[in-house]
């Protein structure tokens, strides 16, 4: 983004301006999740570096007055604080670039003011607001450095932020991150595929029972990973906003781990099917189950074995370190935030 922003901003400003973009990456500590503190922090950093405009991007979901913040703007100080999860999980890089461009151009250009001297809350273009997005201007406290704020609200806004948080966690990384659990699951599946008792059980189970077995095994795996690695977020504060944040974090954790486990389950089913096609003998199978080994039986057996292997993988995940599971389940920033939370609680 930093490479293409100068040319795009100069082209869109249309005033012969030149933009120099400098990128600084640093974590926000656990105690600075409130927007006023974050705005003061980036204002101090901008003053120290002598920057004209500061746009801070964070993958933390930000809340204020019971609403989830998309962006805080301070035209007086040339500041913008953008919460990436509020942009959703689709086309994130494009939306983030558009949001940064719009924020910079808005802060660099003349700002119309209302009767009391504050910026008018006119709907912005791009990813901030639109007819099909749940984004709208939100209230700003008198003690805050921001003079304009956009928020998301309602069920659509909650879903938008939640999808953005899950996207930041990259749930597909859970598959290669749980090597010991996958090894246990593959070993369980390999043994179960050649077990005649498993053949008989798979043949006897109806599709509804196979679905129940799948849901149960996936649920066991999700619950075991969350409990064993202590992924459940408990807020030390009793405020409504703290509880709202905790619910949001925990929901995103369940979805992140759930998507990762489902990907593992699908992979196990495919591997078990290939293994069954290679190792099973149709005459032996028919003699044990009194049923010919056809495509339906292959799929049914692979499905049931995947459920059995997933439970074995849950047991195998106990050999994984908590750090390995957290590294697989969370983004790097989220890991840093949770480490800082733990340090604060220990202090």
Protein backbone atom coordinates (compact mmCIF):
# COMPACT_ATOMS: atom_id res chain seq x y z
CA UNK A 1 0.00 0.00 0.00
CA UNK A 2 2.78 2.44 0.93
CA UNK A 3 4.42 2.06 -2.49
CA UNK A 4 1.37 3.10 -4.49
CA UNK A 5 -0.17 5.63 -2.10
CA UNK A 6 2.00 8.67 -3.01
CA UNK A 7 1.12 8.53 -6.70
CA UNK A 8 -2.57 7.79 -6.07
CA UNK A 9 -2.90 10.58 -3.50
CA UNK A 10 -1.14 13.09 -5.74
CA UNK A 11 -3.38 12.12 -8.64
CA UNK A 12 -6.59 12.32 -6.63
CA UNK A 13 -5.76 15.59 -4.85
CA UNK A 14 -5.42 17.39 -8.19
CA UNK A 15 -3.57 20.33 -6.65
CA UNK A 16 0.02 19.53 -7.59
CA UNK A 17 0.70 18.22 -4.12
CA UNK A 18 3.42 15.73 -3.28
CA UNK A 19 2.84 13.05 -0.68
CA UNK A 20 5.59 11.19 1.16
CA UNK A 21 4.45 8.06 3.00
CA UNK A 22 6.34 6.64 5.97
CA UNK A 23 5.34 3.34 7.57
CA UNK A 24 5.89 2.59 11.26
CA UNK A 25 4.73 -0.68 12.82
CA UNK A 26 4.31 -1.08 16.56
CA UNK A 27 1.80 -2.92 18.79
CA UNK A 28 -0.86 -1.21 20.84
CA UNK A 29 -0.64 -2.35 24.44
CA UNK A 30 -3.54 -4.01 26.24
CA UNK A 31 -4.34 -0.89 28.21
CA UNK A 32 -4.79 1.35 25.17
CA UNK A 33 -7.82 -0.17 23.50
CA UNK A 34 -9.95 2.88 24.29
CA UNK A 35 -10.07 5.30 21.33
CA UNK A 36 -9.20 8.50 23.29
CA UNK A 37 -5.94 6.97 24.54
CA UNK A 38 -5.09 5.68 21.08
CA UNK A 39 -5.76 9.10 19.53
CA UNK A 40 -3.54 10.81 22.11
CA UNK A 41 -0.81 8.28 21.44
CA UNK A 42 -0.78 8.76 17.67
CA UNK A 43 -1.02 12.55 18.16
CA UNK A 44 2.11 12.49 20.33
CA UNK A 45 3.88 10.27 17.81
CA UNK A 46 2.95 12.54 14.93
CA UNK A 47 4.14 15.64 16.81
CA UNK A 48 7.43 13.97 17.67
CA UNK A 49 8.06 12.95 14.06
CA UNK A 50 6.79 16.26 12.64
CA UNK A 51 4.28 14.50 10.40
CA UNK A 52 1.50 16.51 8.77
CA UNK A 53 -1.01 13.64 8.78
CA UNK A 54 -1.03 10.42 10.78
CA UNK A 55 -3.24 7.47 9.81
CA UNK A 56 -3.13 4.61 12.31
CA UNK A 57 -4.35 1.16 11.24
CA UNK A 58 -5.15 -1.44 13.86
CA UNK A 59 -6.62 -4.94 13.71
CA UNK A 60 -8.22 -4.37 17.13
CA UNK A 61 -12.00 -3.87 17.20
CA UNK A 62 -12.62 -0.47 18.76
CA UNK A 63 -15.72 0.48 20.77
CA UNK A 64 -17.15 3.75 22.03
CA UNK A 65 -20.57 4.54 23.49
CA UNK A 66 -21.67 0.97 22.81
CA UNK A 67 -20.86 1.23 19.09
CA UNK A 68 -18.11 -0.36 17.02
CA UNK A 69 -15.83 2.25 15.46
CA UNK A 70 -14.81 2.28 11.82
CA UNK A 71 -12.69 5.43 11.86
CA UNK A 72 -11.91 8.37 14.13
CA UNK A 73 -10.89 11.61 12.43
CA UNK A 74 -9.33 14.75 13.90
CA UNK A 75 -9.06 17.51 11.32
CA UNK A 76 -7.50 19.84 13.87
CA UNK A 77 -4.54 17.56 14.51
CA UNK A 78 -4.48 15.68 11.18
CA UNK A 79 -5.19 12.29 12.72
CA UNK A 80 -7.13 9.23 11.60
CA UNK A 81 -7.58 5.97 13.50
CA UNK A 82 -8.94 3.13 11.37
CA UNK A 83 -10.11 -0.23 12.76
CA UNK A 84 -9.53 -2.84 10.06
CA UNK A 85 -12.04 -5.45 11.34
CA UNK A 86 -14.85 -2.94 10.78
CA UNK A 87 -14.11 -3.07 7.04
CA UNK A 88 -15.20 -6.71 6.92
CA UNK A 89 -13.38 -9.74 5.61
CA UNK A 90 -13.79 -9.40 1.85
CA UNK A 91 -11.49 -7.31 -0.35
CA UNK A 92 -9.77 -6.06 2.80
CA UNK A 93 -6.66 -4.69 1.12
CA UNK A 94 -8.70 -2.72 -1.41
CA UNK A 95 -11.05 -1.36 1.25
CA UNK A 96 -8.15 -0.46 3.54
CA UNK A 97 -6.36 1.39 0.73
CA UNK A 98 -9.52 3.28 -0.19
CA UNK A 99 -10.15 4.15 3.45
CA UNK A 100 -6.61 5.46 3.91
CA UNK A 101 -6.80 7.49 0.71
CA UNK A 102 -10.11 9.02 1.71
CA UNK A 103 -8.90 9.81 5.21
CA UNK A 104 -5.70 11.47 3.99
CA UNK A 105 -7.46 13.52 1.32
CA UNK A 106 -10.14 14.55 3.79
CA UNK A 107 -7.58 15.64 6.38
CA UNK A 108 -5.37 17.38 3.81
CA UNK A 109 -8.18 19.34 2.16
CA UNK A 110 -10.40 22.13 3.46
CA UNK A 111 -13.04 20.91 5.86
CA UNK A 112 -16.49 22.42 5.89
CA UNK A 113 -17.73 23.29 9.38
CA UNK A 114 -21.11 23.60 10.97
CA UNK A 115 -22.57 26.46 12.98
CA UNK A 116 -20.57 25.50 16.09
CA UNK A 117 -17.27 25.15 14.28
CA UNK A 118 -17.21 21.36 14.24
CA UNK A 119 -16.89 19.36 11.03
CA UNK A 120 -20.15 18.49 9.38
CA UNK A 121 -20.99 14.81 9.52
CA UNK A 122 -21.53 14.40 5.82
CA UNK A 123 -21.46 10.81 4.58
CA UNK A 124 -18.08 9.89 3.17
CA UNK A 125 -17.61 7.85 0.05
CA UNK A 126 -15.78 4.59 -0.42
CA UNK A 127 -15.64 2.01 2.36
CA UNK A 128 -16.70 4.43 5.13
CA UNK A 129 -20.34 4.81 4.20
CA UNK A 130 -22.86 3.97 1.54
CA UNK A 131 -26.38 2.83 0.94
CA UNK A 132 -25.48 -0.84 1.24
CA UNK A 133 -23.15 -0.58 4.26
CA UNK A 134 -24.13 -0.30 7.96
CA UNK A 135 -21.70 2.62 8.44
CA UNK A 136 -22.89 6.00 9.69
CA UNK A 137 -21.61 8.96 11.73
CA UNK A 138 -21.40 8.33 15.47
CA UNK A 139 -21.26 10.50 18.60
CA UNK A 140 -17.95 11.96 19.77
CA UNK A 141 -17.31 12.90 23.39
CA UNK A 142 -16.28 16.43 24.27
CA UNK A 143 -13.08 15.22 25.96
CA UNK A 144 -11.90 13.31 22.87
CA UNK A 145 -9.40 14.50 20.28
CA UNK A 146 -11.58 13.29 17.41
CA UNK A 147 -14.05 15.64 15.74
CA UNK A 148 -15.67 13.11 13.39
CA UNK A 149 -16.38 9.43 13.85
CA UNK A 150 -17.92 6.69 11.74
CA UNK A 151 -19.34 3.58 13.37
CA UNK A 152 -21.12 0.36 12.47
CA UNK A 153 -24.19 -0.73 14.37
CA UNK A 154 -26.91 -3.34 14.34
CA UNK A 155 -26.63 -7.02 13.40
CA UNK A 156 -25.01 -6.26 10.04
CA UNK A 157 -22.39 -4.10 11.69
CA UNK A 158 -21.65 -6.78 14.30
CA UNK A 159 -21.33 -9.42 11.58
CA UNK A 160 -19.07 -7.14 9.54
CA UNK A 161 -16.65 -6.66 12.46
CA UNK A 162 -16.78 -10.33 13.39
CA UNK A 163 -15.92 -11.45 9.86
CA UNK A 164 -13.08 -8.93 9.83
CA UNK A 165 -11.66 -10.34 13.07
CA UNK A 166 -11.86 -13.91 11.81
CA UNK A 167 -10.19 -12.84 8.57
CA UNK A 168 -7.35 -11.25 10.56
CA UNK A 169 -6.82 -14.51 12.47
CA UNK A 170 -6.45 -16.47 9.19
CA UNK A 171 -8.19 -19.69 10.31
CA UNK A 172 -6.67 -21.72 7.46
CA UNK A 173 -3.30 -21.50 9.27
CA UNK A 174 -4.67 -23.81 11.95
CA UNK A 175 -4.15 -26.84 9.70
CA UNK A 176 -0.33 -26.78 9.39
CA UNK A 177 0.02 -25.29 12.88
CA UNK A 178 -1.26 -28.41 14.69
CA UNK A 179 1.28 -30.98 13.54
CA UNK A 180 0.92 -33.36 16.52
CA UNK A 181 -2.87 -33.26 16.39
CA UNK A 182 -2.84 -33.95 12.66
CA UNK A 183 -0.39 -36.82 13.11
CA UNK A 184 -2.69 -38.39 15.72
CA UNK A 185 -5.72 -37.89 13.47
CA UNK A 186 -4.00 -39.43 10.44
CA UNK A 187 -2.81 -42.39 12.48
CA UNK A 188 -6.30 -42.92 13.91
CA UNK A 189 -7.84 -42.73 10.45
CA UNK A 190 -5.32 -45.14 8.93
CA UNK A 191 -5.99 -47.77 11.61
CA UNK A 192 -9.76 -47.27 11.60
CA UNK A 193 -9.97 -47.66 7.83
CA UNK A 194 -8.71 -51.25 7.97
CA UNK A 195 -10.75 -52.22 11.05
CA UNK A 196 -13.67 -54.53 10.29
CA UNK A 197 -15.63 -53.28 13.31
CA UNK A 198 -15.46 -49.76 11.88
CA UNK A 199 -16.69 -51.14 8.53
CA UNK A 200 -19.72 -52.64 10.24
CA UNK A 201 -20.48 -49.49 12.22
CA UNK A 202 -20.16 -47.26 9.16
CA UNK A 203 -22.48 -49.55 7.20
CA UNK A 204 -25.05 -49.58 10.01
CA UNK A 205 -25.16 -45.80 10.57
CA UNK A 206 -27.81 -43.76 8.78
CA UNK A 207 -26.95 -40.37 7.22
CA UNK A 208 -28.49 -38.42 10.17
CA UNK A 209 -26.30 -40.35 12.60
CA UNK A 210 -23.24 -39.72 10.45
CA UNK A 211 -24.05 -36.01 10.55
CA UNK A 212 -24.41 -36.17 14.34
CA UNK A 213 -21.07 -37.99 14.58
CA UNK A 214 -19.45 -35.30 12.44
CA UNK A 215 -20.91 -32.43 14.49
CA UNK A 216 -19.97 -34.14 17.73
CA UNK A 217 -16.37 -34.81 16.71
CA UNK A 218 -15.87 -31.31 15.36
CA UNK A 219 -17.42 -29.84 18.53
CA UNK A 220 -15.13 -31.95 20.72
CA UNK A 221 -12.09 -30.79 18.76
CA UNK A 222 -13.11 -27.11 18.97
CA UNK A 223 -13.89 -27.30 22.67
CA UNK A 224 -10.72 -29.19 23.50
CA UNK A 225 -8.48 -26.71 21.65
CA UNK A 226 -10.12 -23.69 23.28
CA UNK A 227 -10.04 -25.14 26.80
CA UNK A 228 -6.64 -26.81 26.63
CA UNK A 229 -4.86 -23.78 25.17
CA UNK A 230 -6.86 -21.31 27.30
CA UNK A 231 -8.12 -19.41 24.28
CA UNK A 232 -11.26 -18.18 26.07
CA UNK A 233 -11.06 -14.46 26.80
CA UNK A 234 -12.09 -13.29 30.26
CA UNK A 235 -12.37 -9.56 30.82
CA UNK A 236 -11.01 -8.17 34.07
CA UNK A 237 -13.32 -5.18 33.74
CA UNK A 238 -17.00 -5.18 34.54
CA UNK A 239 -18.11 -2.43 32.17
CA UNK A 240 -20.65 -3.15 29.42
CA UNK A 241 -18.10 -2.27 26.73
CA UNK A 242 -15.54 -4.67 28.25
CA UNK A 243 -18.11 -7.47 28.29
CA UNK A 244 -19.07 -6.62 24.71
CA UNK A 245 -15.42 -6.85 23.66
CA UNK A 246 -15.04 -10.17 25.46
CA UNK A 247 -18.08 -11.60 23.68
CA UNK A 248 -16.73 -10.41 20.35
CA UNK A 249 -13.27 -11.87 20.97
CA UNK A 250 -14.70 -15.22 22.11
CA UNK A 251 -17.08 -15.46 19.16
CA UNK A 252 -14.24 -14.76 16.75
CA UNK A 253 -12.13 -17.40 18.53
CA UNK A 254 -14.85 -20.05 18.20
CA UNK A 255 -15.35 -19.21 14.51
CA UNK A 256 -11.60 -19.15 13.81
CA UNK A 257 -10.99 -22.51 15.45
CA UNK A 258 -14.22 -23.92 13.98
CA UNK A 259 -13.26 -23.02 10.42
CA UNK A 260 -9.79 -24.46 10.92
CA UNK A 261 -11.18 -27.71 12.34
CA UNK A 262 -13.67 -28.03 9.46
CA UNK A 263 -10.82 -27.62 6.99
CA UNK A 264 -8.93 -30.35 8.85
CA UNK A 265 -12.03 -32.56 8.79
CA UNK A 266 -12.47 -32.15 5.04
CA UNK A 267 -8.80 -32.93 4.50
CA UNK A 268 -9.03 -36.04 6.68
CA UNK A 269 -12.06 -37.24 4.73
CA UNK A 270 -10.22 -36.89 1.41
CA UNK A 271 -7.08 -38.62 2.75
CA UNK A 272 -9.13 -41.44 4.26
CA UNK A 273 -10.95 -41.92 0.96
CA UNK A 274 -7.68 -42.18 -0.96
CA UNK A 275 -6.31 -44.59 1.65
CA UNK A 276 -9.46 -46.73 1.48
CA UNK A 277 -9.32 -46.87 -2.32
CA UNK A 278 -5.74 -48.08 -2.09
CA UNK A 279 -5.92 -50.56 0.78
CA UNK A 280 -9.40 -52.10 0.93
CA UNK A 281 -10.30 -55.36 -0.78
CA UNK A 282 -13.88 -55.58 -1.99
CA UNK A 283 -14.18 -59.33 -1.35
CA UNK A 284 -12.95 -59.07 2.24
CA UNK A 285 -15.19 -56.05 2.88
CA UNK A 286 -18.23 -57.85 1.44
CA UNK A 287 -17.56 -60.98 3.49
CA UNK A 288 -17.44 -58.95 6.72
CA UNK A 289 -20.34 -56.57 6.09
CA UNK A 290 -22.47 -58.56 3.63
CA UNK A 291 -22.50 -55.44 1.47
CA UNK A 292 -20.59 -54.90 -1.80
CA UNK A 293 -17.88 -52.26 -1.70
CA UNK A 294 -19.07 -49.54 -4.06
CA UNK A 295 -18.72 -45.76 -4.25
CA UNK A 296 -21.39 -45.17 -1.60
CA UNK A 297 -19.63 -47.46 0.87
CA UNK A 298 -16.29 -45.78 0.24
CA UNK A 299 -17.78 -42.35 0.95
CA UNK A 300 -19.70 -43.54 4.01
CA UNK A 301 -16.64 -45.24 5.49
CA UNK A 302 -14.42 -42.20 4.81
CA UNK A 303 -17.00 -39.91 6.40
CA UNK A 304 -17.28 -42.01 9.56
CA UNK A 305 -13.52 -42.53 9.82
CA UNK A 306 -12.98 -38.75 9.50
CA UNK A 307 -15.19 -38.27 12.57
CA UNK A 308 -13.27 -40.93 14.48
CA UNK A 309 -9.93 -39.46 13.39
CA UNK A 310 -11.00 -35.95 14.46
CA UNK A 311 -11.59 -37.22 18.00
CA UNK A 312 -8.14 -38.81 17.89
CA UNK A 313 -6.75 -35.49 16.72
CA UNK A 314 -8.35 -33.76 19.70
CA UNK A 315 -6.51 -36.13 22.01
CA UNK A 316 -3.30 -35.60 20.07
CA UNK A 317 -3.62 -31.82 20.42
CA UNK A 318 -2.89 -32.30 24.11
CA UNK A 319 0.74 -32.82 23.11
CA UNK A 320 0.83 -29.42 21.43
CA UNK A 321 2.13 -26.49 23.47
CA UNK A 322 -0.29 -23.68 24.26
CA UNK A 323 1.95 -21.32 22.31
CA UNK A 324 1.78 -23.51 19.20
CA UNK A 325 -2.02 -23.58 19.31
CA UNK A 326 -2.26 -19.83 19.87
CA UNK A 327 0.19 -19.19 17.04
CA UNK A 328 -1.99 -21.31 14.77
CA UNK A 329 -5.28 -19.75 15.90
CA UNK A 330 -4.40 -16.05 16.11
CA UNK A 331 -2.73 -13.37 14.06
CA UNK A 332 0.60 -12.04 15.29
CA UNK A 333 -0.99 -8.84 16.61
CA UNK A 334 -3.66 -10.78 18.48
CA UNK A 335 -0.99 -12.98 20.04
CA UNK A 336 0.89 -9.88 21.21
CA UNK A 337 -2.29 -8.37 22.62
CA UNK A 338 -3.12 -11.52 24.59
CA UNK A 339 0.43 -11.81 25.91
CA UNK A 340 0.18 -8.26 27.18
CA UNK A 341 -3.20 -8.98 28.76
CA UNK A 342 -1.71 -11.95 30.60
CA UNK A 343 1.24 -9.85 31.78
CA UNK A 344 -1.10 -7.14 33.03
CA UNK A 345 -3.22 -9.66 34.94
CA UNK A 346 -0.11 -11.20 36.53
CA UNK A 347 1.10 -7.75 37.62
